Amino acid sequence: MAIGIIDRVITKPFISMIILVLSQDQGVGFINWKPTLHIEDIKKVIKAIGVKFGESSSFYVYTSVFLLYFSAHEVSSLIITATASLLIFTLIMSVIMTRVSPTKALLLGYALFSLVNTFMFRIEPLLLFVLFGVVDAITYAPQSLYLVSLFRGDVRHVWCRRFLPRG
């Protein structure tokens, strides 16, 4: 708890102050940027929330709620198994994403999540958490590509345009 307070009160404001000072030294200034909001942007934001919710909801069910049904000894091995499979398959999916559409990968991942979740109480826990790691990697890896592709360039680069060189 003390680390969280130190992080919020001291570390983040200090880093923000250093970034601001360095940006002023580089001749960078604040610009007045007002994005135009279109109806299709609202629909895309709702899509983006749905994509993130689809992966995150299953992730938190497996890593918190579902673990309540296991003993303390089993929980550590299940988490290590899920983490290892998630790490390995996220790297594999990152390579595969250079050749596959993010939309197709997301749909495949959600279909597999539905299948695994349907039979979750009939699968051995260790195998279940391996499958969770695999399927979560399939839905997690393409999210960044998909979310960026949803929005126009002027909306996509909002944070990059906050500070521009003075000209």
N, C-alpha and C. Protein backbone atom coordinates (compact mmCIF):
# COMPACT_ATOMS: atom_id res chain seq x y z
N MET A 1 0.81 -1.19 0.00
CA MET A 1 0.00 0.00 0.00
C MET A 1 0.86 1.26 0.00
N ALA A 2 1.95 1.22 0.77
CA ALA A 2 2.83 2.38 0.83
C ALA A 2 3.49 2.64 -0.52
N ILE A 3 3.79 1.57 -1.24
CA ILE A 3 4.40 1.74 -2.56
C ILE A 3 3.43 2.43 -3.51
N GLY A 4 2.15 2.07 -3.46
CA GLY A 4 1.15 2.72 -4.30
C GLY A 4 1.02 4.20 -4.01
N ILE A 5 1.07 4.56 -2.73
CA ILE A 5 0.99 5.98 -2.35
C ILE A 5 2.22 6.72 -2.82
N ILE A 6 3.40 6.12 -2.63
CA ILE A 6 4.63 6.76 -3.09
C ILE A 6 4.60 6.94 -4.60
N ASP A 7 4.10 5.94 -5.31
CA ASP A 7 4.02 6.01 -6.77
C ASP A 7 3.10 7.13 -7.22
N ARG A 8 1.92 7.24 -6.58
CA ARG A 8 0.95 8.27 -6.98
C ARG A 8 1.38 9.67 -6.56
N VAL A 9 1.92 9.79 -5.37
CA VAL A 9 2.18 11.12 -4.81
C VAL A 9 3.53 11.66 -5.22
N ILE A 10 4.54 10.82 -5.34
CA ILE A 10 5.89 11.31 -5.58
C ILE A 10 6.38 10.99 -6.99
N THR A 11 6.34 9.73 -7.37
CA THR A 11 7.01 9.30 -8.60
C THR A 11 6.35 9.87 -9.86
N LYS A 12 5.05 9.69 -10.02
CA LYS A 12 4.39 10.15 -11.26
C LYS A 12 4.44 11.67 -11.43
N PRO A 13 4.14 12.47 -10.39
CA PRO A 13 4.27 13.92 -10.58
C PRO A 13 5.70 14.35 -10.89
N PHE A 14 6.69 13.68 -10.28
CA PHE A 14 8.09 14.02 -10.52
C PHE A 14 8.47 13.73 -11.96
N ILE A 15 8.06 12.57 -12.46
CA ILE A 15 8.36 12.22 -13.86
C ILE A 15 7.64 13.18 -14.81
N SER A 16 6.41 13.53 -14.52
CA SER A 16 5.68 14.48 -15.35
C SER A 16 6.37 15.83 -15.39
N MET A 17 6.88 16.26 -14.24
CA MET A 17 7.58 17.55 -14.17
C MET A 17 8.85 17.50 -15.01
N ILE A 18 9.60 16.41 -14.96
CA ILE A 18 10.83 16.28 -15.75
C ILE A 18 10.51 16.31 -17.24
N ILE A 19 9.47 15.61 -17.65
CA ILE A 19 9.08 15.59 -19.07
C ILE A 19 8.69 16.99 -19.53
N LEU A 20 7.94 17.71 -18.71
CA LEU A 20 7.53 19.07 -19.06
C LEU A 20 8.73 19.98 -19.19
N VAL A 21 9.68 19.90 -18.26
CA VAL A 21 10.88 20.75 -18.31
C VAL A 21 11.71 20.41 -19.54
N LEU A 22 11.90 19.13 -19.82
CA LEU A 22 12.68 18.74 -20.99
C LEU A 22 12.00 19.16 -22.29
N SER A 23 10.68 19.08 -22.34
CA SER A 23 9.99 19.48 -23.56
C SER A 23 10.09 20.98 -23.79
N GLN A 24 10.10 21.77 -22.72
CA GLN A 24 10.25 23.22 -22.86
C GLN A 24 11.66 23.57 -23.34
N ASP A 25 12.67 22.82 -22.89
CA ASP A 25 14.04 23.06 -23.32
C ASP A 25 14.24 22.72 -24.79
N GLN A 26 13.45 21.84 -25.33
CA GLN A 26 13.58 21.43 -26.72
C GLN A 26 12.80 22.34 -27.67
N GLY A 27 12.21 23.40 -27.17
CA GLY A 27 11.44 24.29 -28.02
C GLY A 27 10.08 23.72 -28.39
N VAL A 28 9.50 22.98 -27.51
CA VAL A 28 8.20 22.37 -27.76
C VAL A 28 7.16 23.18 -27.02
N GLY A 29 6.05 23.45 -27.69
CA GLY A 29 5.00 24.24 -27.05
C GLY A 29 3.64 23.59 -27.18
N PHE A 30 2.71 24.03 -26.35
CA PHE A 30 1.36 23.49 -26.34
C PHE A 30 0.58 24.06 -27.53
N ILE A 31 -0.17 23.22 -28.22
CA ILE A 31 -1.02 23.70 -29.30
C ILE A 31 -2.47 23.49 -28.90
N ASN A 32 -3.33 24.29 -29.45
CA ASN A 32 -4.76 24.19 -29.17
C ASN A 32 -5.37 23.26 -30.22
N TRP A 33 -5.63 22.04 -29.83
CA TRP A 33 -6.15 21.04 -30.76
C TRP A 33 -7.53 20.62 -30.32
N LYS A 34 -8.50 20.78 -31.19
CA LYS A 34 -9.88 20.40 -30.88
C LYS A 34 -10.35 19.40 -31.93
N PRO A 35 -10.46 18.13 -31.55
CA PRO A 35 -10.91 17.15 -32.53
C PRO A 35 -12.39 17.33 -32.86
N THR A 36 -12.74 16.99 -34.07
CA THR A 36 -14.15 17.00 -34.44
C THR A 36 -14.72 15.63 -34.16
N LEU A 37 -15.87 15.59 -33.55
CA LEU A 37 -16.48 14.33 -33.17
C LEU A 37 -17.54 13.97 -34.20
N HIS A 38 -17.43 12.77 -34.74
CA HIS A 38 -18.40 12.26 -35.71
C HIS A 38 -19.16 11.11 -35.09
N ILE A 39 -20.34 10.83 -35.62
CA ILE A 39 -21.15 9.73 -35.11
C ILE A 39 -20.41 8.40 -35.26
N GLU A 40 -19.71 8.21 -36.39
CA GLU A 40 -18.99 6.94 -36.57
C GLU A 40 -17.88 6.77 -35.54
N ASP A 41 -17.34 7.89 -35.02
CA ASP A 41 -16.32 7.79 -33.97
C ASP A 41 -16.92 7.21 -32.69
N ILE A 42 -18.14 7.58 -32.37
CA ILE A 42 -18.79 7.05 -31.17
C ILE A 42 -19.03 5.55 -31.33
N LYS A 43 -19.46 5.15 -32.52
CA LYS A 43 -19.66 3.72 -32.78
C LYS A 43 -18.35 2.95 -32.66
N LYS A 44 -17.27 3.55 -33.12
CA LYS A 44 -15.97 2.90 -33.04
C LYS A 44 -15.46 2.82 -31.61
N VAL A 45 -15.74 3.82 -30.82
CA VAL A 45 -15.36 3.78 -29.40
C VAL A 45 -16.12 2.66 -28.70
N ILE A 46 -17.39 2.49 -29.03
CA ILE A 46 -18.18 1.41 -28.44
C ILE A 46 -17.62 0.05 -28.89
N LYS A 47 -17.21 -0.07 -30.16
CA LYS A 47 -16.57 -1.30 -30.64
C LYS A 47 -15.28 -1.57 -29.87
N ALA A 48 -14.48 -0.52 -29.67
CA ALA A 48 -13.21 -0.67 -28.97
C ALA A 48 -13.43 -1.13 -27.52
N ILE A 49 -14.43 -0.56 -26.88
CA ILE A 49 -14.75 -0.98 -25.51
C ILE A 49 -15.18 -2.45 -25.51
N GLY A 50 -15.98 -2.85 -26.49
CA GLY A 50 -16.42 -4.24 -26.57
C GLY A 50 -15.28 -5.20 -26.80
N VAL A 51 -14.32 -4.83 -27.65
CA VAL A 51 -13.16 -5.68 -27.91
C VAL A 51 -12.34 -5.86 -26.64
N LYS A 52 -12.10 -4.78 -25.95
CA LYS A 52 -11.31 -4.87 -24.71
C LYS A 52 -12.08 -5.61 -23.63
N PHE A 53 -13.37 -5.38 -23.54
CA PHE A 53 -14.19 -6.07 -22.54
C PHE A 53 -14.23 -7.57 -22.79
N GLY A 54 -14.28 -7.98 -24.07
CA GLY A 54 -14.34 -9.39 -24.40
C GLY A 54 -13.15 -10.17 -23.88
N GLU A 55 -11.96 -9.61 -24.04
CA GLU A 55 -10.76 -10.30 -23.55
C GLU A 55 -10.60 -10.12 -22.05
N SER A 56 -10.81 -8.92 -21.56
CA SER A 56 -10.56 -8.64 -20.14
C SER A 56 -11.52 -9.37 -19.22
N SER A 57 -12.76 -9.51 -19.62
CA SER A 57 -13.73 -10.17 -18.74
C SER A 57 -13.34 -11.63 -18.50
N SER A 58 -12.97 -12.34 -19.55
CA SER A 58 -12.54 -13.73 -19.37
C SER A 58 -11.23 -13.80 -18.60
N PHE A 59 -10.32 -12.86 -18.86
CA PHE A 59 -9.05 -12.84 -18.14
C PHE A 59 -9.29 -12.72 -16.64
N TYR A 60 -10.14 -11.79 -16.23
CA TYR A 60 -10.35 -11.58 -14.80
C TYR A 60 -11.19 -12.69 -14.17
N VAL A 61 -12.05 -13.32 -14.94
CA VAL A 61 -12.79 -14.47 -14.40
C VAL A 61 -11.80 -15.59 -14.07
N TYR A 62 -10.86 -15.85 -14.97
CA TYR A 62 -9.90 -16.93 -14.74
C TYR A 62 -8.88 -16.58 -13.66
N THR A 63 -8.41 -15.35 -13.63
CA THR A 63 -7.32 -15.00 -12.71
C THR A 63 -7.80 -14.55 -11.35
N SER A 64 -9.08 -14.42 -11.14
CA SER A 64 -9.54 -14.02 -9.80
C SER A 64 -10.72 -14.87 -9.34
N VAL A 65 -11.86 -14.74 -9.97
CA VAL A 65 -13.08 -15.40 -9.51
C VAL A 65 -12.95 -16.92 -9.57
N PHE A 66 -12.49 -17.45 -10.68
CA PHE A 66 -12.43 -18.90 -10.86
C PHE A 66 -11.44 -19.56 -9.91
N LEU A 67 -10.41 -18.84 -9.49
CA LEU A 67 -9.39 -19.39 -8.60
C LEU A 67 -9.93 -19.62 -7.18
N LEU A 68 -11.06 -19.04 -6.85
CA LEU A 68 -11.64 -19.24 -5.52
C LEU A 68 -12.04 -20.69 -5.28
N TYR A 69 -12.24 -21.45 -6.33
CA TYR A 69 -12.68 -22.84 -6.21
C TYR A 69 -11.54 -23.83 -6.01
N PHE A 70 -10.31 -23.35 -5.97
CA PHE A 70 -9.16 -24.23 -5.85
C PHE A 70 -8.44 -23.98 -4.53
N SER A 71 -7.66 -24.96 -4.09
CA SER A 71 -6.90 -24.81 -2.86
C SER A 71 -5.70 -23.90 -3.11
N ALA A 72 -5.09 -23.42 -2.03
CA ALA A 72 -3.95 -22.51 -2.14
C ALA A 72 -2.78 -23.18 -2.86
N HIS A 73 -2.61 -24.47 -2.67
CA HIS A 73 -1.52 -25.19 -3.33
C HIS A 73 -1.76 -25.25 -4.85
N GLU A 74 -2.98 -25.47 -5.26
CA GLU A 74 -3.29 -25.56 -6.70
C GLU A 74 -3.22 -24.21 -7.39
N VAL A 75 -3.57 -23.15 -6.69
CA VAL A 75 -3.65 -21.82 -7.30
C VAL A 75 -2.31 -21.39 -7.87
N SER A 76 -1.23 -21.58 -7.11
CA SER A 76 0.07 -21.13 -7.61
C SER A 76 0.48 -21.88 -8.87
N SER A 77 0.27 -23.19 -8.92
CA SER A 77 0.64 -23.94 -10.12
C SER A 77 -0.25 -23.57 -11.31
N LEU A 78 -1.53 -23.28 -11.05
CA LEU A 78 -2.43 -22.89 -12.14
C LEU A 78 -2.03 -21.53 -12.71
N ILE A 79 -1.68 -20.60 -11.84
CA ILE A 79 -1.29 -19.27 -12.31
C ILE A 79 0.03 -19.33 -13.08
N ILE A 80 0.97 -20.10 -12.60
CA ILE A 80 2.25 -20.25 -13.31
C ILE A 80 2.02 -20.90 -14.67
N THR A 81 1.17 -21.90 -14.73
CA THR A 81 0.86 -22.57 -16.00
C THR A 81 0.20 -21.61 -16.98
N ALA A 82 -0.78 -20.86 -16.50
CA ALA A 82 -1.47 -19.91 -17.37
C ALA A 82 -0.52 -18.82 -17.85
N THR A 83 0.34 -18.33 -16.96
CA THR A 83 1.29 -17.28 -17.32
C THR A 83 2.29 -17.77 -18.36
N ALA A 84 2.80 -18.98 -18.18
CA ALA A 84 3.76 -19.53 -19.14
C ALA A 84 3.12 -19.72 -20.51
N SER A 85 1.92 -20.29 -20.54
CA SER A 85 1.28 -20.51 -21.84
C SER A 85 0.89 -19.17 -22.48
N LEU A 86 0.46 -18.21 -21.67
CA LEU A 86 0.13 -16.89 -22.21
C LEU A 86 1.36 -16.20 -22.78
N LEU A 87 2.48 -16.29 -22.10
CA LEU A 87 3.72 -15.68 -22.58
C LEU A 87 4.15 -16.31 -23.91
N ILE A 88 4.20 -17.62 -23.95
CA ILE A 88 4.66 -18.32 -25.15
C ILE A 88 3.73 -18.04 -26.33
N PHE A 89 2.43 -18.15 -26.12
CA PHE A 89 1.50 -17.98 -27.23
C PHE A 89 1.28 -16.52 -27.62
N THR A 90 1.55 -15.59 -26.72
CA THR A 90 1.51 -14.17 -27.13
C THR A 90 2.65 -13.89 -28.10
N LEU A 91 3.82 -14.43 -27.84
CA LEU A 91 4.94 -14.26 -28.77
C LEU A 91 4.63 -14.92 -30.11
N ILE A 92 4.06 -16.12 -30.08
CA ILE A 92 3.70 -16.82 -31.32
C ILE A 92 2.63 -16.03 -32.08
N MET A 93 1.62 -15.54 -31.37
CA MET A 93 0.55 -14.78 -32.04
C MET A 93 1.07 -13.46 -32.59
N SER A 94 2.06 -12.86 -31.96
CA SER A 94 2.64 -11.63 -32.49
C SER A 94 3.28 -11.87 -33.84
N VAL A 95 3.92 -13.00 -34.01
CA VAL A 95 4.50 -13.35 -35.31
C VAL A 95 3.40 -13.66 -36.32
N ILE A 96 2.39 -14.39 -35.89
CA ILE A 96 1.29 -14.75 -36.79
C ILE A 96 0.52 -13.50 -37.23
N MET A 97 0.43 -12.49 -36.36
CA MET A 97 -0.35 -11.29 -36.68
C MET A 97 0.24 -10.50 -37.85
N THR A 98 1.47 -10.78 -38.25
CA THR A 98 2.02 -10.12 -39.43
C THR A 98 1.39 -10.64 -40.71
N ARG A 99 0.69 -11.79 -40.63
CA ARG A 99 0.11 -12.41 -41.81
C ARG A 99 -1.40 -12.56 -41.77
N VAL A 100 -2.01 -12.31 -40.61
CA VAL A 100 -3.45 -12.55 -40.44
C VAL A 100 -4.13 -11.24 -40.07
N SER A 101 -5.34 -11.07 -40.51
CA SER A 101 -6.14 -9.89 -40.15
C SER A 101 -6.45 -9.90 -38.65
N PRO A 102 -6.33 -8.76 -37.97
CA PRO A 102 -6.65 -8.73 -36.55
C PRO A 102 -8.11 -9.08 -36.27
N THR A 103 -9.01 -8.72 -37.18
CA THR A 103 -10.42 -9.03 -36.98
C THR A 103 -10.64 -10.54 -36.98
N LYS A 104 -10.02 -11.24 -37.91
CA LYS A 104 -10.16 -12.71 -37.97
C LYS A 104 -9.58 -13.36 -36.72
N ALA A 105 -8.44 -12.85 -36.26
CA ALA A 105 -7.83 -13.42 -35.06
C ALA A 105 -8.70 -13.18 -33.84
N LEU A 106 -9.28 -11.99 -33.73
CA LEU A 106 -10.16 -11.69 -32.60
C LEU A 106 -11.39 -12.59 -32.62
N LEU A 107 -12.00 -12.75 -33.79
CA LEU A 107 -13.18 -13.61 -33.88
C LEU A 107 -12.85 -15.06 -33.54
N LEU A 108 -11.70 -15.54 -34.01
CA LEU A 108 -11.27 -16.89 -33.67
C LEU A 108 -11.05 -17.02 -32.16
N GLY A 109 -10.40 -16.02 -31.57
CA GLY A 109 -10.15 -16.05 -30.13
C GLY A 109 -11.43 -16.04 -29.31
N TYR A 110 -12.39 -15.21 -29.71
CA TYR A 110 -13.67 -15.16 -28.97
C TYR A 110 -14.45 -16.47 -29.14
N ALA A 111 -14.39 -17.07 -30.33
CA ALA A 111 -15.06 -18.35 -30.53
C ALA A 111 -14.42 -19.44 -29.66
N LEU A 112 -13.09 -19.44 -29.60
CA LEU A 112 -12.40 -20.42 -28.76
C LEU A 112 -12.65 -20.17 -27.28
N PHE A 113 -12.69 -18.89 -26.87
CA PHE A 113 -13.03 -18.58 -25.47
C PHE A 113 -14.42 -19.12 -25.14
N SER A 114 -15.36 -18.93 -26.03
CA SER A 114 -16.71 -19.44 -25.79
C SER A 114 -16.71 -20.95 -25.65
N LEU A 115 -15.96 -21.62 -26.50
CA LEU A 115 -15.88 -23.08 -26.46
C LEU A 115 -15.23 -23.56 -25.15
N VAL A 116 -14.13 -22.94 -24.78
CA VAL A 116 -13.44 -23.33 -23.54
C VAL A 116 -14.32 -23.03 -22.33
N ASN A 117 -14.96 -21.87 -22.34
CA ASN A 117 -15.82 -21.51 -21.21
C ASN A 117 -17.05 -22.43 -21.10
N THR A 118 -17.53 -22.93 -22.23
CA THR A 118 -18.67 -23.84 -22.21
C THR A 118 -18.33 -25.14 -21.49
N PHE A 119 -17.11 -25.63 -21.72
CA PHE A 119 -16.71 -26.91 -21.13
C PHE A 119 -15.75 -26.76 -19.96
N MET A 120 -15.71 -25.58 -19.34
CA MET A 120 -14.70 -25.32 -18.31
C MET A 120 -14.81 -26.26 -17.10
N PHE A 121 -15.98 -26.72 -16.76
CA PHE A 121 -16.12 -27.58 -15.59
C PHE A 121 -15.91 -29.05 -15.92
N ARG A 122 -15.68 -29.36 -17.18
CA ARG A 122 -15.44 -30.75 -17.60
C ARG A 122 -13.98 -30.98 -17.96
N ILE A 123 -13.17 -29.92 -17.94
CA ILE A 123 -11.76 -30.02 -18.30
C ILE A 123 -10.92 -30.00 -17.02
N GLU A 124 -9.87 -30.78 -17.01
CA GLU A 124 -8.95 -30.77 -15.86
C GLU A 124 -8.40 -29.36 -15.66
N PRO A 125 -8.26 -28.91 -14.41
CA PRO A 125 -7.83 -27.53 -14.16
C PRO A 125 -6.52 -27.14 -14.83
N LEU A 126 -5.52 -28.01 -14.81
CA LEU A 126 -4.24 -27.66 -15.41
C LEU A 126 -4.38 -27.45 -16.92
N LEU A 127 -5.07 -28.33 -17.60
CA LEU A 127 -5.33 -28.18 -19.03
C LEU A 127 -6.19 -26.95 -19.30
N LEU A 128 -7.16 -26.70 -18.43
CA LEU A 128 -8.02 -25.53 -18.59
C LEU A 128 -7.22 -24.24 -18.57
N PHE A 129 -6.26 -24.13 -17.66
CA PHE A 129 -5.48 -22.90 -17.57
C PHE A 129 -4.45 -22.80 -18.70
N VAL A 130 -4.00 -23.91 -19.24
CA VAL A 130 -3.17 -23.87 -20.45
C VAL A 130 -4.00 -23.34 -21.61
N LEU A 131 -5.21 -23.87 -21.76
CA LEU A 131 -6.11 -23.40 -22.83
C LEU A 131 -6.45 -21.93 -22.64
N PHE A 132 -6.65 -21.52 -21.39
CA PHE A 132 -6.91 -20.11 -21.12
C PHE A 132 -5.76 -19.25 -21.62
N GLY A 133 -4.53 -19.66 -21.33
CA GLY A 133 -3.37 -18.88 -21.78
C GLY A 133 -3.29 -18.79 -23.30
N VAL A 134 -3.59 -19.89 -23.97
CA VAL A 134 -3.55 -19.92 -25.43
C VAL A 134 -4.63 -19.00 -26.01
N VAL A 135 -5.84 -19.16 -25.52
CA VAL A 135 -6.96 -18.40 -26.08
C VAL A 135 -6.84 -16.92 -25.71
N ASP A 136 -6.37 -16.61 -24.51
CA ASP A 136 -6.19 -15.21 -24.15
C ASP A 136 -5.12 -14.56 -25.02
N ALA A 137 -4.08 -15.30 -25.36
CA ALA A 137 -3.06 -14.76 -26.26
C ALA A 137 -3.63 -14.49 -27.65
N ILE A 138 -4.52 -15.37 -28.11
CA ILE A 138 -5.13 -15.18 -29.43
C ILE A 138 -6.00 -13.92 -29.45
N THR A 139 -6.65 -13.60 -28.34
CA THR A 139 -7.49 -12.39 -28.31
C THR A 139 -6.72 -11.15 -27.88
N TYR A 140 -5.62 -11.31 -27.15
CA TYR A 140 -4.88 -10.15 -26.66
C TYR A 140 -3.91 -9.59 -27.71
N ALA A 141 -3.23 -10.45 -28.42
CA ALA A 141 -2.20 -10.01 -29.37
C ALA A 141 -2.72 -9.09 -30.47
N PRO A 142 -3.88 -9.35 -31.08
CA PRO A 142 -4.31 -8.48 -32.18
C PRO A 142 -5.03 -7.20 -31.74
N GLN A 143 -5.23 -7.01 -30.44
CA GLN A 143 -6.00 -5.84 -29.99
C GLN A 143 -5.37 -4.52 -30.40
N SER A 144 -4.07 -4.38 -30.25
CA SER A 144 -3.45 -3.10 -30.58
C SER A 144 -3.60 -2.78 -32.06
N LEU A 145 -3.43 -3.76 -32.93
CA LEU A 145 -3.61 -3.52 -34.36
C LEU A 145 -5.06 -3.17 -34.69
N TYR A 146 -5.98 -3.88 -34.08
CA TYR A 146 -7.39 -3.65 -34.37
C TYR A 146 -7.84 -2.28 -33.86
N LEU A 147 -7.48 -1.94 -32.63
CA LEU A 147 -7.93 -0.68 -32.05
C LEU A 147 -7.38 0.53 -32.80
N VAL A 148 -6.13 0.45 -33.23
CA VAL A 148 -5.55 1.56 -33.99
C VAL A 148 -6.22 1.69 -35.35
N SER A 149 -6.59 0.57 -35.96
CA SER A 149 -7.20 0.63 -37.29
C SER A 149 -8.62 1.17 -37.26
N LEU A 150 -9.24 1.23 -36.09
CA LEU A 150 -10.62 1.72 -36.02
C LEU A 150 -10.75 3.22 -36.31
N PHE A 151 -9.75 4.01 -35.94
CA PHE A 151 -9.92 5.46 -35.93
C PHE A 151 -9.14 6.17 -37.03
N ARG A 152 -9.65 7.36 -37.38
CA ARG A 152 -8.99 8.21 -38.36
C ARG A 152 -7.65 8.69 -37.80
N GLY A 153 -6.79 9.14 -38.67
CA GLY A 153 -5.46 9.59 -38.25
C GLY A 153 -5.50 10.76 -37.28
N ASP A 154 -6.43 11.71 -37.47
CA ASP A 154 -6.47 12.86 -36.56
C ASP A 154 -6.96 12.48 -35.17
N VAL A 155 -7.71 11.41 -35.04
CA VAL A 155 -8.15 10.93 -33.74
C VAL A 155 -7.11 9.98 -33.15
N ARG A 156 -6.51 9.18 -34.01
CA ARG A 156 -5.55 8.16 -33.58
C ARG A 156 -4.33 8.78 -32.92
N HIS A 157 -3.90 9.93 -33.37
CA HIS A 157 -2.66 10.54 -32.90
C HIS A 157 -2.90 11.71 -31.96
N VAL A 158 -3.95 11.66 -31.16
CA VAL A 158 -4.27 12.76 -30.26
C VAL A 158 -3.13 13.02 -29.30
N TRP A 159 -2.59 11.99 -28.69
CA TRP A 159 -1.54 12.20 -27.69
C TRP A 159 -0.24 12.62 -28.33
N CYS A 160 0.01 12.23 -29.58
CA CYS A 160 1.23 12.65 -30.26
C CYS A 160 1.16 14.11 -30.65
N ARG A 161 -0.03 14.64 -30.87
CA ARG A 161 -0.17 16.02 -31.31
C ARG A 161 -0.25 17.02 -30.17
N ARG A 162 -0.23 16.55 -28.96
CA ARG A 162 -0.38 17.48 -27.85
C ARG A 162 0.76 18.48 -27.82
N PHE A 163 1.97 18.03 -28.05
CA PHE A 163 3.12 18.91 -28.11
C PHE A 163 3.76 18.79 -29.47
N LEU A 164 3.92 19.91 -30.15
CA LEU A 164 4.57 19.95 -31.45
C LEU A 164 5.71 20.97 -31.42
N PRO A 165 6.74 20.79 -32.23
CA PRO A 165 7.82 21.79 -32.27
C PRO A 165 7.30 23.14 -32.73
N ARG A 166 7.82 24.18 -32.12
CA ARG A 166 7.45 25.53 -32.56
C ARG A 166 8.07 25.80 -33.90
N GLY A 167 7.31 26.41 -34.74
CA GLY A 167 7.84 26.62 -36.08
C GLY A 167 7.77 27.96 -36.48
